Amino acid sequence: MIYVRILVSLLVLYLLYRLIRRFLLRRETGYLPGRRRNGEELVQDPQCGTYIPISDARELELNGVKVYFCSRECMEKYIIKA
């Protein structure tokens, strides 16, 4: 009977550990388990065709339209070509 109590106690402690860890992880990083952390929109560079996350892209507005580039070099080539 004592072994059953020990096993149940260990199981309860483990579950508490998982709940606390999940709460702290969400609070510190904004990460919500079950969701993609890097589920960010990808944009295509019109100059070289590379797909990049929108947060890493260089943005240029031409004639009211936002265009995204992977690098400054691609942006400059696109401006010269346009």
N, C-alpha and C. Protein backbone atom coordinates (compact mmCIF):
# COMPACT_ATOMS: atom_id res chain seq x y z
N MET A 1 0.82 -1.20 0.00
CA MET A 1 0.00 0.00 0.00
C MET A 1 0.86 1.26 0.00
N ILE A 2 1.98 1.21 0.65
CA ILE A 2 2.87 2.38 0.72
C ILE A 2 3.42 2.71 -0.66
N TYR A 3 3.65 1.67 -1.49
CA TYR A 3 4.17 1.90 -2.83
C TYR A 3 3.15 2.63 -3.71
N VAL A 4 1.91 2.34 -3.55
CA VAL A 4 0.86 3.01 -4.31
C VAL A 4 0.82 4.48 -3.93
N ARG A 5 0.94 4.78 -2.65
CA ARG A 5 0.95 6.19 -2.21
C ARG A 5 2.16 6.93 -2.77
N ILE A 6 3.29 6.28 -2.78
CA ILE A 6 4.50 6.91 -3.32
C ILE A 6 4.33 7.18 -4.81
N LEU A 7 3.82 6.20 -5.55
CA LEU A 7 3.60 6.38 -6.98
C LEU A 7 2.59 7.49 -7.27
N VAL A 8 1.51 7.54 -6.52
CA VAL A 8 0.50 8.59 -6.71
C VAL A 8 1.11 9.94 -6.37
N SER A 9 1.90 10.01 -5.31
CA SER A 9 2.54 11.28 -4.92
C SER A 9 3.50 11.75 -6.01
N LEU A 10 4.28 10.82 -6.56
CA LEU A 10 5.20 11.19 -7.63
C LEU A 10 4.46 11.66 -8.88
N LEU A 11 3.37 11.01 -9.18
CA LEU A 11 2.57 11.42 -10.33
C LEU A 11 1.99 12.82 -10.14
N VAL A 12 1.49 13.10 -8.96
CA VAL A 12 0.94 14.43 -8.66
C VAL A 12 2.04 15.49 -8.73
N LEU A 13 3.20 15.20 -8.20
CA LEU A 13 4.32 16.15 -8.26
C LEU A 13 4.75 16.42 -9.70
N TYR A 14 4.78 15.37 -10.51
CA TYR A 14 5.15 15.54 -11.91
C TYR A 14 4.14 16.42 -12.65
N LEU A 15 2.86 16.17 -12.42
CA LEU A 15 1.83 16.98 -13.07
C LEU A 15 1.90 18.44 -12.62
N LEU A 16 2.15 18.67 -11.34
CA LEU A 16 2.33 20.05 -10.85
C LEU A 16 3.53 20.72 -11.51
N TYR A 17 4.61 19.97 -11.64
CA TYR A 17 5.81 20.49 -12.30
C TYR A 17 5.49 20.91 -13.74
N ARG A 18 4.77 20.06 -14.49
CA ARG A 18 4.42 20.37 -15.87
C ARG A 18 3.52 21.61 -15.97
N LEU A 19 2.56 21.73 -15.06
CA LEU A 19 1.68 22.90 -15.08
C LEU A 19 2.43 24.18 -14.77
N ILE A 20 3.28 24.14 -13.77
CA ILE A 20 4.06 25.33 -13.41
C ILE A 20 5.02 25.70 -14.54
N ARG A 21 5.67 24.71 -15.12
CA ARG A 21 6.60 24.98 -16.22
C ARG A 21 5.87 25.60 -17.42
N ARG A 22 4.71 25.08 -17.72
CA ARG A 22 3.92 25.62 -18.83
C ARG A 22 3.52 27.06 -18.57
N PHE A 23 3.09 27.36 -17.37
CA PHE A 23 2.69 28.71 -17.01
C PHE A 23 3.87 29.67 -17.10
N LEU A 24 5.02 29.28 -16.57
CA LEU A 24 6.20 30.15 -16.60
C LEU A 24 6.71 30.36 -18.01
N LEU A 25 6.69 29.31 -18.82
CA LEU A 25 7.14 29.45 -20.21
C LEU A 25 6.25 30.41 -20.98
N ARG A 26 4.96 30.31 -20.79
CA ARG A 26 4.02 31.21 -21.47
C ARG A 26 4.23 32.64 -21.01
N ARG A 27 4.44 32.82 -19.74
CA ARG A 27 4.59 34.16 -19.17
C ARG A 27 5.88 34.84 -19.62
N GLU A 28 6.98 34.09 -19.68
CA GLU A 28 8.27 34.68 -20.01
C GLU A 28 8.47 34.93 -21.49
N THR A 29 7.97 34.04 -22.33
CA THR A 29 8.27 34.15 -23.75
C THR A 29 7.07 34.51 -24.61
N GLY A 30 5.88 34.46 -24.06
CA GLY A 30 4.70 34.69 -24.87
C GLY A 30 4.33 33.48 -25.70
N TYR A 31 5.06 32.40 -25.51
CA TYR A 31 4.82 31.17 -26.26
C TYR A 31 3.62 30.44 -25.70
N LEU A 32 2.72 30.06 -26.55
CA LEU A 32 1.57 29.27 -26.15
C LEU A 32 1.75 27.87 -26.70
N PRO A 33 1.88 26.86 -25.85
CA PRO A 33 2.06 25.50 -26.34
C PRO A 33 0.94 25.10 -27.30
N GLY A 34 1.31 24.39 -28.35
CA GLY A 34 0.33 23.96 -29.34
C GLY A 34 0.23 24.89 -30.53
N ARG A 35 0.86 26.04 -30.46
CA ARG A 35 0.86 26.97 -31.60
C ARG A 35 2.26 27.04 -32.19
N ARG A 36 2.33 27.36 -33.46
CA ARG A 36 3.64 27.47 -34.10
C ARG A 36 4.30 28.76 -33.66
N ARG A 37 5.51 28.67 -33.22
CA ARG A 37 6.24 29.85 -32.77
C ARG A 37 6.70 30.69 -33.96
N ASN A 38 7.05 30.03 -35.03
CA ASN A 38 7.57 30.75 -36.18
C ASN A 38 6.57 30.77 -37.32
N GLY A 39 5.30 30.79 -36.99
CA GLY A 39 4.26 30.80 -38.02
C GLY A 39 4.08 32.18 -38.61
N GLU A 40 5.16 32.77 -39.04
CA GLU A 40 5.15 34.14 -39.54
C GLU A 40 4.93 34.14 -41.06
N GLU A 41 4.32 35.19 -41.54
CA GLU A 41 4.04 35.33 -42.97
C GLU A 41 5.35 35.46 -43.75
N LEU A 42 5.42 34.74 -44.87
CA LEU A 42 6.57 34.84 -45.76
C LEU A 42 6.22 35.74 -46.93
N VAL A 43 7.20 36.53 -47.36
CA VAL A 43 7.02 37.40 -48.52
C VAL A 43 8.11 37.06 -49.54
N GLN A 44 7.81 37.30 -50.81
CA GLN A 44 8.77 36.98 -51.86
C GLN A 44 9.45 38.24 -52.35
N ASP A 45 10.77 38.16 -52.43
CA ASP A 45 11.57 39.25 -52.98
C ASP A 45 11.33 39.27 -54.49
N PRO A 46 10.86 40.40 -55.06
CA PRO A 46 10.58 40.44 -56.50
C PRO A 46 11.84 40.43 -57.35
N GLN A 47 12.97 40.76 -56.78
CA GLN A 47 14.22 40.80 -57.55
C GLN A 47 14.83 39.41 -57.73
N CYS A 48 15.00 38.67 -56.61
CA CYS A 48 15.67 37.37 -56.70
C CYS A 48 14.74 36.19 -56.49
N GLY A 49 13.50 36.44 -56.03
CA GLY A 49 12.54 35.36 -55.85
C GLY A 49 12.62 34.63 -54.53
N THR A 50 13.50 35.06 -53.63
CA THR A 50 13.66 34.41 -52.34
C THR A 50 12.47 34.71 -51.44
N TYR A 51 12.02 33.69 -50.68
CA TYR A 51 10.98 33.88 -49.68
C TYR A 51 11.64 34.12 -48.33
N ILE A 52 11.19 35.18 -47.64
CA ILE A 52 11.76 35.53 -46.35
C ILE A 52 10.65 35.90 -45.37
N PRO A 53 10.90 35.72 -44.05
CA PRO A 53 9.91 36.16 -43.06
C PRO A 53 9.74 37.68 -43.15
N ILE A 54 8.53 38.14 -42.99
CA ILE A 54 8.24 39.57 -43.13
C ILE A 54 9.01 40.42 -42.12
N SER A 55 9.33 39.85 -40.96
CA SER A 55 10.07 40.62 -39.95
C SER A 55 11.52 40.84 -40.35
N ASP A 56 12.07 39.98 -41.23
CA ASP A 56 13.46 40.12 -41.67
C ASP A 56 13.58 40.89 -42.98
N ALA A 57 12.47 41.17 -43.61
CA ALA A 57 12.49 41.79 -44.94
C ALA A 57 12.71 43.30 -44.85
N ARG A 58 13.30 43.81 -45.91
CA ARG A 58 13.42 45.27 -46.06
C ARG A 58 12.20 45.73 -46.85
N GLU A 59 11.56 46.77 -46.36
CA GLU A 59 10.29 47.22 -46.95
C GLU A 59 10.50 48.50 -47.75
N LEU A 60 9.86 48.56 -48.91
CA LEU A 60 9.89 49.75 -49.75
C LEU A 60 8.49 49.97 -50.27
N GLU A 61 8.04 51.21 -50.24
CA GLU A 61 6.71 51.51 -50.75
C GLU A 61 6.85 52.24 -52.08
N LEU A 62 6.30 51.63 -53.13
CA LEU A 62 6.34 52.19 -54.47
C LEU A 62 4.92 52.35 -54.98
N ASN A 63 4.54 53.59 -55.28
CA ASN A 63 3.20 53.88 -55.80
C ASN A 63 2.10 53.35 -54.89
N GLY A 64 2.31 53.44 -53.60
CA GLY A 64 1.32 53.00 -52.63
C GLY A 64 1.29 51.51 -52.38
N VAL A 65 2.21 50.77 -52.98
CA VAL A 65 2.26 49.31 -52.80
C VAL A 65 3.55 48.96 -52.04
N LYS A 66 3.41 48.17 -50.98
CA LYS A 66 4.59 47.75 -50.22
C LYS A 66 5.25 46.57 -50.93
N VAL A 67 6.57 46.69 -51.10
CA VAL A 67 7.36 45.64 -51.73
C VAL A 67 8.44 45.25 -50.72
N TYR A 68 8.69 43.95 -50.59
CA TYR A 68 9.64 43.45 -49.59
C TYR A 68 10.83 42.81 -50.27
N PHE A 69 12.02 43.03 -49.68
CA PHE A 69 13.26 42.53 -50.25
C PHE A 69 14.07 41.78 -49.19
N CYS A 70 14.90 40.84 -49.66
CA CYS A 70 15.73 40.06 -48.74
C CYS A 70 16.98 40.82 -48.32
N SER A 71 17.42 41.77 -49.14
CA SER A 71 18.64 42.51 -48.81
C SER A 71 18.60 43.90 -49.44
N ARG A 72 19.52 44.72 -48.99
CA ARG A 72 19.61 46.07 -49.53
C ARG A 72 20.04 46.03 -51.00
N GLU A 73 20.92 45.07 -51.33
CA GLU A 73 21.39 44.94 -52.70
C GLU A 73 20.24 44.63 -53.66
N CYS A 74 19.36 43.70 -53.27
CA CYS A 74 18.21 43.38 -54.12
C CYS A 74 17.28 44.58 -54.26
N MET A 75 17.12 45.33 -53.17
CA MET A 75 16.26 46.50 -53.22
C MET A 75 16.83 47.54 -54.18
N GLU A 76 18.15 47.76 -54.12
CA GLU A 76 18.77 48.75 -55.00
C GLU A 76 18.70 48.32 -56.46
N LYS A 77 18.90 47.03 -56.74
CA LYS A 77 18.80 46.52 -58.11
C LYS A 77 17.39 46.71 -58.64
N TYR A 78 16.40 46.46 -57.80
CA TYR A 78 15.00 46.58 -58.20
C TYR A 78 14.65 48.05 -58.50
N ILE A 79 15.17 48.97 -57.68
CA ILE A 79 14.92 50.40 -57.89
C ILE A 79 15.53 50.86 -59.19
N ILE A 80 16.75 50.42 -59.48
CA ILE A 80 17.44 50.81 -60.71
C ILE A 80 16.70 50.26 -61.92
N LYS A 81 16.22 49.02 -61.79
CA LYS A 81 15.51 48.36 -62.90
C LYS A 81 14.14 49.01 -63.15
N ALA A 82 13.52 49.49 -62.10
CA ALA A 82 12.16 50.06 -62.23
C ALA A 82 12.20 51.42 -62.75
